[in-house]
Amino acid sequence: MISAKDRMARLVAAIPWIVAQDGAPVDEIAERFDYPRDLLLADLQDVVFFVGVPPYTPDTLIEVIIDEDMVWISYADWFARPMKLSGGELLTLLTAGETALSFDNQDEAGALARGLAKLRLATGTSDTIDVQLGSIDRTFLPVLRSAADARLCVDIDYYSFASNSQTTRRIEPDRFFVADGNWYVGGYCHVAAGERLFRVDRIHSVGETSQTFSQPLQEDGAAEPRRKFSIDEAPRVTIALPSHRMRVLDGLPFDELAADKNGELVVSLPVSSARWLEQLVLRIGPGVRLVNAGEFDIDPADPRERMLSRYGASEASQE
């Protein structure tokens, strides 16, 4: 069974080839791209057929025709437009690249550094962009990244805004990301005995230790390692959401996406936990429905009511 990532790679390669051939036999496509026939047909009918841009009218969707053992694909009219980034889009791309480059090892940056150099020359911004994310100690990120690569625990002195206190914690750093202009490091915290996120600008010191870790522990701190999240093996849920909230799905993997007769979007996607599903429900907001919650027994109203209750009870609980 090929992974979702490999299926997507095969599909992206197959689509322009089928278009260039003005149609091709199913078996020939399957053999050429090492694409199992049943998966190929499923992806052509259930994925490619719904690829397009808002408002998802027929002229903005890719057309797929399967007649007996032949496949034809036609691009939507929208795809005939020349692809040209606006000034704002170029600046966003350049800024995102500079952000990633600031965290990467310069000797390993390679293609990213060369691509950004060409983009700066093309946009005339070679010396005008300086990306600074939060007021952090710039020596912390290399130490944290080195520890994550070597699977070594680190001791951090961390200030909690919520409790107005500074504590020393031993963590297992395994992921980094940027949100709202701040760097975050995530991993298992030995003090909290669970997965936690830490804002890097609230870390006052970092010390690498000799203690190793193999993979994240269970939420309860048990010694038995928990299984990492796998898109292919994760349980699925089906939700319906208002079409104007589709942007919430950006960056999320999903199996199917379709518009129903009520104008809602119905999406089937993998879910890592009930808590993650509740967070997604909150992000979508009013109008979300759980069509099939699978193994997750939650009511979309529950997380909203808990949040409203929390903020109504105490404004001081925000971090």
Foldseek 3Di string as FASTA:
>chain_A
DDAPVLLVVLVVVLVVVCAVVQKDFLVVSCVVSVNPSVSVVCCLVFPQQQDFDPPSDPLGGWDWDDDPGMIGIDHHPVVVDDDDDDPVRLVVVLQVLVVVCLLDDVVPCPPSVVVSCVSCVVNVCNPPDDQDQAPADSVVSVVLVVCQVVQFWKWWFFADPLVRDTDIWIFRWHDWDDDPRWIKTWTAIPVQLAIDIGTRRRTDDMGTDPDGDDAGDDRNNDPDRDDDDGQVPADKWKKKAAPVLCCLCPPFDWDGWDADPVRIIITMGGDDDLVRVLVSLVSRDPPMDTPGPDPHDDDNVVVVVVVVVVCVVDVSNDD
